[in-house]
Amino acid sequence: MRTKHKRPSIVLQDGKPAAVILDIDQYREMLERLEDVEDLKTLEEMRKKALQFRSLEDFLEEYAPGIGR
């Protein structure tokens, strides 16, 4: 369910737009959308590369040294 957002307020400095004041929920929604776009770009890049498999021991040695022993 989408909530109705207040209109952003534009702050002027010397008669020119300098900043925008947003409703906090609108700001959070914008951040979520931006994160989604970044995730999709990362996924697209990952799909371009060939899959590489390795053993669990090798993975643990790289990301958590000492655990795989």
Protein backbone atom coordinates (compact mmCIF):
# COMPACT_ATOMS: atom_id res chain seq x y z
CA MET A 1 0.00 0.00 0.00
CA ARG A 2 1.44 3.33 -1.05
CA THR A 3 1.09 6.28 1.25
CA LYS A 4 0.42 9.76 -0.03
CA HIS A 5 3.63 11.77 0.11
CA LYS A 6 3.91 15.44 0.85
CA ARG A 7 5.38 17.54 -1.92
CA PRO A 8 9.11 18.15 -1.52
CA SER A 9 10.18 21.63 -0.39
CA ILE A 10 12.92 23.30 -2.40
CA VAL A 11 15.36 25.51 -0.52
CA LEU A 12 16.70 28.45 -2.50
CA GLN A 13 20.05 30.14 -2.09
CA ASP A 14 20.61 33.35 -4.01
CA GLY A 15 17.40 32.59 -5.91
CA LYS A 16 18.64 29.19 -7.11
CA PRO A 17 17.63 25.71 -5.92
CA ALA A 18 20.19 24.53 -3.34
CA ALA A 19 18.50 21.68 -1.43
CA VAL A 20 15.33 19.62 -1.18
CA ILE A 21 13.42 18.71 1.96
CA LEU A 22 11.55 15.39 1.66
CA ASP A 23 9.10 13.48 3.79
CA ILE A 24 11.11 10.82 5.67
CA ASP A 25 9.04 7.96 4.21
CA GLN A 26 9.61 9.29 0.70
CA TYR A 27 13.35 9.53 1.40
CA ARG A 28 13.46 5.94 2.68
CA GLU A 29 11.56 4.72 -0.37
CA MET A 30 14.05 6.49 -2.64
CA LEU A 31 16.95 4.83 -0.80
CA GLU A 32 15.33 1.40 -1.19
CA ARG A 33 14.83 1.95 -4.91
CA LEU A 34 18.43 3.07 -5.31
CA GLU A 35 19.66 -0.04 -3.49
CA ASP A 36 17.48 -2.20 -5.76
CA VAL A 37 19.00 -0.59 -8.86
CA GLU A 38 22.52 -1.16 -7.50
CA ASP A 39 21.67 -4.80 -6.74
CA LEU A 40 20.34 -5.32 -10.28
CA LYS A 41 23.51 -3.84 -11.78
CA THR A 42 25.64 -6.15 -9.63
CA LEU A 43 23.54 -9.15 -10.67
CA GLU A 44 23.89 -8.23 -14.36
CA GLU A 45 27.68 -8.05 -13.98
CA MET A 46 27.77 -11.38 -12.15
CA ARG A 47 25.75 -13.06 -14.93
CA LYS A 48 28.31 -11.95 -17.53
CA LYS A 49 31.06 -13.95 -15.80
CA ALA A 50 31.48 -17.70 -16.01
CA LEU A 51 30.65 -19.63 -12.85
CA GLN A 52 33.61 -20.83 -10.85
CA PHE A 53 33.28 -23.51 -8.20
CA ARG A 54 35.68 -24.31 -5.40
CA SER A 55 35.75 -26.45 -2.31
CA LEU A 56 34.21 -25.37 0.96
CA GLU A 57 37.65 -25.56 2.59
CA ASP A 58 39.12 -23.10 0.06
CA PHE A 59 36.18 -20.72 0.58
CA LEU A 60 36.48 -20.82 4.36
CA GLU A 61 40.23 -20.31 4.21
CA GLU A 62 39.71 -17.08 2.22
CA TYR A 63 36.72 -15.63 4.11
CA ALA A 64 37.14 -17.07 7.61
CA PRO A 65 40.73 -18.24 8.10
CA GLY A 66 41.11 -20.93 10.71
CA ILE A 67 37.48 -22.12 10.65
CA GLY A 68 37.91 -24.75 7.95
CA ARG A 69 40.64 -26.60 9.87
